[in-house]
Amino acid sequence: MIVGVDMPIQIDAELKGCFPGLRVLVGHVKDVKVERSGLEIQKFWEELFKQVKEKYSLESLKDVPVFRAYRDFFWRAGIDPTKIRPASEALIRRILAGKSIPSINNVVDAYNLASIKTEVALAAFDEDELKGNLVMRFARKGEKFLGIGMQEPMELNGGEIVILDAKKMIAVYPYRDAEQSKISNKTRNVLLLVCGAPGIEEETLVKAGEVALSYIMKFCGGEGKLEGESSA
């Protein structure tokens, strides 16, 4: 069962002022079992691949309204979306180009499926590695961030959009997550981010969150709930 509650991620007032239509939803799934994806999820992938190839083309993908909203947001945030693509668009592009999508584990695979299905960018973290409330703000020059797979932390220029818990930075929004809080076989509780952008309706984000939580629970067990956001 998915239960909606009004518990926010805080969006800093300066960031909210620059991007008044920016929304981020938070979901939780408790007591998941993280493991390699099995045959059931593989069959689900195959069916979704067929749907993607029937629905989209590489030529028109950039004009899909949700992807256009992400691209416009990326440009305004100083990110070139032709080099760093919104996660959902990047996944669909791989399918249309005939490339495989690497299987990470059942949780990551499940929310990637949901991202493809709904067109909305999603991220997930090991909730037990997070401390306190989440805050979204502009990065300060010189702050450092260690993303998944990085050998050394990168130094931020200042002005990037980042998400932090009470102790550390957990994401450069909305395209790179931190190594320390990634989903692993030790994860038992998942925090899901439904990554919005100005021009993407709240209803679209809520639907994406519901789909993602339902997929995670279907393939990984647990019980989920969807939350909201507010200004700091």
Protein backbone atom coordinates (compact mmCIF):
# COMPACT_ATOMS: atom_id res chain seq x y z
CA MET A 1 0.00 0.00 0.00
CA ILE A 2 1.22 3.53 -0.80
CA VAL A 3 0.25 6.23 1.70
CA GLY A 4 0.56 9.95 0.92
CA VAL A 5 1.72 12.29 3.70
CA ASP A 6 2.79 15.94 3.84
CA MET A 7 6.45 15.61 4.91
CA PRO A 8 8.79 17.78 2.81
CA ILE A 9 12.24 18.08 1.36
CA GLN A 10 13.15 21.71 1.98
CA ILE A 11 13.91 23.84 -1.08
CA ASP A 12 16.00 26.88 -0.19
CA ALA A 13 14.23 30.21 -0.70
CA GLU A 14 16.91 31.54 -3.10
CA LEU A 15 16.63 28.44 -5.28
CA LYS A 16 12.83 28.56 -5.15
CA GLY A 17 12.96 32.20 -6.25
CA CYS A 18 15.07 31.36 -9.29
CA PHE A 19 12.96 28.31 -10.18
CA PRO A 20 9.44 28.94 -8.82
CA GLY A 21 7.99 25.90 -10.56
CA LEU A 22 10.56 23.49 -9.14
CA ARG A 23 9.10 20.59 -7.17
CA VAL A 24 10.66 17.45 -5.72
CA LEU A 25 8.73 14.60 -4.11
CA VAL A 26 10.11 12.13 -1.60
CA GLY A 27 9.10 8.51 -1.16
CA HIS A 28 10.15 5.79 1.25
CA VAL A 29 10.13 2.02 1.04
CA LYS A 30 10.88 0.15 4.24
CA ASP A 31 12.21 -3.41 4.58
CA VAL A 32 13.27 -4.08 0.99
CA LYS A 33 15.41 -7.02 -0.03
CA VAL A 34 18.14 -5.90 -2.42
CA GLU A 35 19.52 -8.57 -4.73
CA ARG A 36 20.24 -9.30 -8.37
CA SER A 37 17.21 -8.88 -10.61
CA GLY A 38 15.47 -12.11 -11.48
CA LEU A 39 13.48 -13.48 -14.39
CA GLU A 40 10.29 -11.63 -13.45
CA ILE A 41 11.88 -8.21 -13.75
CA GLN A 42 13.68 -9.26 -16.94
CA LYS A 43 10.35 -10.10 -18.57
CA PHE A 44 9.04 -6.72 -17.44
CA TRP A 45 12.04 -5.03 -19.09
CA GLU A 46 11.42 -6.82 -22.38
CA GLU A 47 7.79 -5.73 -22.51
CA LEU A 48 8.67 -2.14 -21.67
CA PHE A 49 11.36 -2.09 -24.37
CA LYS A 50 8.70 -2.99 -26.93
CA GLN A 51 6.44 -0.19 -25.69
CA VAL A 52 9.25 2.36 -25.89
CA LYS A 53 10.11 1.45 -29.48
CA GLU A 54 6.45 1.78 -30.48
CA LYS A 55 5.94 5.11 -28.70
CA TYR A 56 9.11 7.13 -29.39
CA SER A 57 11.73 7.88 -32.01
CA LEU A 58 15.22 9.32 -31.55
CA GLU A 59 14.37 12.24 -33.82
CA SER A 60 11.35 13.44 -31.85
CA LEU A 61 12.45 12.55 -28.32
CA LYS A 62 13.70 16.03 -27.47
CA ASP A 63 10.23 17.44 -28.17
CA VAL A 64 8.40 15.26 -25.63
CA PRO A 65 6.96 17.88 -23.20
CA VAL A 66 8.48 16.39 -20.03
CA PHE A 67 11.91 16.04 -21.65
CA ARG A 68 11.66 19.58 -23.02
CA ALA A 69 10.94 20.86 -19.50
CA TYR A 70 14.02 19.06 -18.15
CA ARG A 71 16.18 20.34 -21.00
CA ASP A 72 15.07 23.95 -20.43
CA PHE A 73 15.76 23.55 -16.72
CA PHE A 74 19.20 22.07 -17.40
CA TRP A 75 20.18 25.02 -19.62
CA ARG A 76 19.06 27.50 -16.95
CA ALA A 77 20.96 25.54 -14.29
CA GLY A 78 24.18 25.66 -16.33
CA ILE A 79 24.04 22.05 -17.57
CA ASP A 80 24.29 21.20 -21.28
CA PRO A 81 21.49 18.64 -21.82
CA THR A 82 23.05 17.47 -25.07
CA LYS A 83 26.03 16.21 -23.04
CA ILE A 84 24.39 15.36 -19.70
CA ARG A 85 20.89 14.18 -20.48
CA PRO A 86 17.95 13.95 -18.10
CA ALA A 87 18.03 10.42 -16.67
CA SER A 88 14.70 9.29 -18.08
CA GLU A 89 15.52 10.59 -21.56
CA ALA A 90 18.96 8.96 -21.44
CA LEU A 91 17.43 5.56 -20.61
CA ILE A 92 14.91 5.80 -23.44
CA ARG A 93 17.59 6.92 -25.88
CA ARG A 94 19.64 3.83 -25.06
CA ILE A 95 16.68 1.60 -25.85
CA LEU A 96 15.94 3.37 -29.13
CA ALA A 97 19.60 3.13 -30.11
CA GLY A 98 19.53 -0.63 -29.55
CA LYS A 99 21.80 -0.50 -26.50
CA SER A 100 21.33 -2.49 -23.32
CA ILE A 101 20.68 -0.93 -19.93
CA PRO A 102 23.04 -2.33 -17.29
CA SER A 103 21.37 -4.22 -14.46
CA ILE A 104 22.55 -2.89 -11.08
CA ASN A 105 20.23 -4.56 -8.59
CA ASN A 106 16.49 -5.07 -8.27
CA VAL A 107 15.83 -1.69 -6.58
CA VAL A 108 17.77 0.37 -9.10
CA ASP A 109 16.36 -1.66 -11.98
CA ALA A 110 12.82 -1.17 -10.63
CA TYR A 111 13.01 2.61 -10.42
CA ASN A 112 14.74 2.78 -13.81
CA LEU A 113 11.75 0.90 -15.21
CA ALA A 114 9.47 3.47 -13.58
CA SER A 115 11.52 6.34 -14.99
CA ILE A 116 11.20 4.91 -18.50
CA LYS A 117 7.48 4.27 -18.04
CA THR A 118 6.65 7.74 -16.69
CA GLU A 119 9.35 9.90 -18.39
CA VAL A 120 10.26 11.36 -14.98
CA ALA A 121 13.81 11.36 -13.58
CA LEU A 122 14.13 9.36 -10.35
CA ALA A 123 16.87 8.74 -7.80
CA ALA A 124 17.13 6.50 -4.75
CA PHE A 125 19.32 6.39 -1.67
CA ASP A 126 20.04 4.11 1.27
CA GLU A 127 17.91 5.92 3.84
CA ASP A 128 19.89 4.53 6.78
CA GLU A 129 22.94 6.41 5.47
CA LEU A 130 21.07 9.74 5.60
CA LYS A 131 21.01 12.02 8.63
CA GLY A 132 18.29 14.55 9.41
CA ASN A 133 16.15 16.46 6.91
CA LEU A 134 17.04 16.99 3.26
CA VAL A 135 17.74 20.48 1.92
CA MET A 136 18.04 21.53 -1.71
CA ARG A 137 20.09 24.67 -2.49
CA PHE A 138 22.74 26.20 -4.72
CA ALA A 139 26.24 24.82 -4.18
CA ARG A 140 28.94 27.05 -2.74
CA LYS A 141 32.23 27.41 -4.57
CA GLY A 142 34.78 24.89 -3.33
CA GLU A 143 32.31 22.39 -1.89
CA LYS A 144 33.26 18.81 -2.72
CA PHE A 145 31.14 15.91 -3.89
CA LEU A 146 31.97 12.22 -4.31
CA GLY A 147 29.62 10.69 -6.86
CA ILE A 148 28.95 7.03 -7.50
CA GLY A 149 31.99 5.43 -9.10
CA MET A 150 34.30 8.42 -8.52
CA GLN A 151 37.81 7.74 -7.22
CA GLU A 152 38.25 11.28 -5.91
CA PRO A 153 35.70 13.96 -4.99
CA MET A 154 34.99 16.72 -7.48
CA GLU A 155 35.19 20.36 -6.48
CA LEU A 156 32.05 22.31 -7.33
CA ASN A 157 32.19 25.69 -9.07
CA GLY A 158 29.33 27.14 -7.06
CA GLY A 159 25.84 27.57 -8.44
CA GLU A 160 25.17 23.88 -9.08
CA ILE A 161 21.94 22.61 -7.55
CA VAL A 162 22.68 20.17 -4.75
CA ILE A 163 20.85 18.14 -2.12
CA LEU A 164 22.26 17.65 1.37
CA ASP A 165 21.29 15.89 4.55
CA ALA A 166 22.40 17.21 7.94
CA LYS A 167 25.96 15.90 7.46
CA LYS A 168 26.84 15.69 3.77
CA MET A 169 25.97 16.28 0.13
CA ILE A 170 24.03 13.37 -1.36
CA ALA A 171 23.34 14.54 -4.93
CA VAL A 172 24.10 17.07 -7.62
CA TYR A 173 20.57 17.58 -8.88
CA PRO A 174 19.20 15.97 -10.91
CA TYR A 175 21.84 13.79 -12.50
CA ARG A 176 24.48 12.46 -10.08
CA ASP A 177 24.13 10.72 -6.69
CA ALA A 178 26.67 10.22 -3.92
CA GLU A 179 28.73 7.08 -3.44
CA GLN A 180 28.17 6.86 0.31
CA SER A 181 24.37 6.67 0.18
CA LYS A 182 23.91 4.55 -2.96
CA ILE A 183 21.65 1.50 -3.00
CA SER A 184 23.63 -1.68 -2.22
CA ASN A 185 22.96 -5.23 -1.09
CA LYS A 186 23.12 -3.94 2.50
CA THR A 187 20.28 -1.48 1.95
CA ARG A 188 17.07 -2.20 3.83
CA ASN A 189 15.28 1.15 3.65
CA VAL A 190 15.06 3.23 0.48
CA LEU A 191 14.52 6.95 0.06
CA LEU A 192 13.19 7.79 -3.40
CA LEU A 193 13.42 11.22 -5.04
CA VAL A 194 10.97 12.14 -7.78
CA CYS A 195 12.93 14.85 -9.59
CA GLY A 196 10.81 17.64 -10.97
CA ALA A 197 11.57 20.74 -13.04
CA PRO A 198 9.62 23.91 -13.83
CA GLY A 199 6.89 23.06 -16.33
CA ILE A 200 6.31 19.53 -15.06
CA GLU A 201 2.95 19.26 -13.32
CA GLU A 202 2.68 17.99 -9.76
CA GLU A 203 0.21 15.35 -10.94
CA THR A 204 2.89 13.96 -13.27
CA LEU A 205 5.37 13.74 -10.40
CA VAL A 206 2.88 12.10 -8.06
CA LYS A 207 2.02 9.49 -10.69
CA ALA A 208 5.71 8.78 -11.29
CA GLY A 209 6.30 8.39 -7.57
CA GLU A 210 3.40 6.00 -7.23
CA VAL A 211 4.62 3.91 -10.18
CA ALA A 212 8.18 3.82 -8.82
CA LEU A 213 7.11 2.77 -5.34
CA SER A 214 4.79 0.12 -6.73
CA TYR A 215 7.57 -1.32 -8.91
CA ILE A 216 10.06 -1.37 -6.02
CA MET A 217 7.53 -3.12 -3.77
CA LYS A 218 6.60 -5.55 -6.54
CA PHE A 219 10.17 -6.66 -7.20
CA CYS A 220 11.88 -5.93 -3.86
CA GLY A 221 9.20 -6.18 -1.19
CA GLY A 222 8.64 -3.64 1.56
CA GLU A 223 6.00 -0.99 2.21
CA GLY A 224 6.06 2.48 0.68
CA LYS A 225 4.76 5.99 1.15
CA LEU A 226 4.97 9.20 -0.88
CA GLU A 227 5.69 12.62 0.60
CA GLY A 228 6.01 16.20 -0.63
CA GLU A 229 8.25 19.30 -0.52
CA SER A 230 8.25 22.83 0.83
CA SER A 231 10.32 26.01 0.87
CA ALA A 232 13.00 26.35 3.53
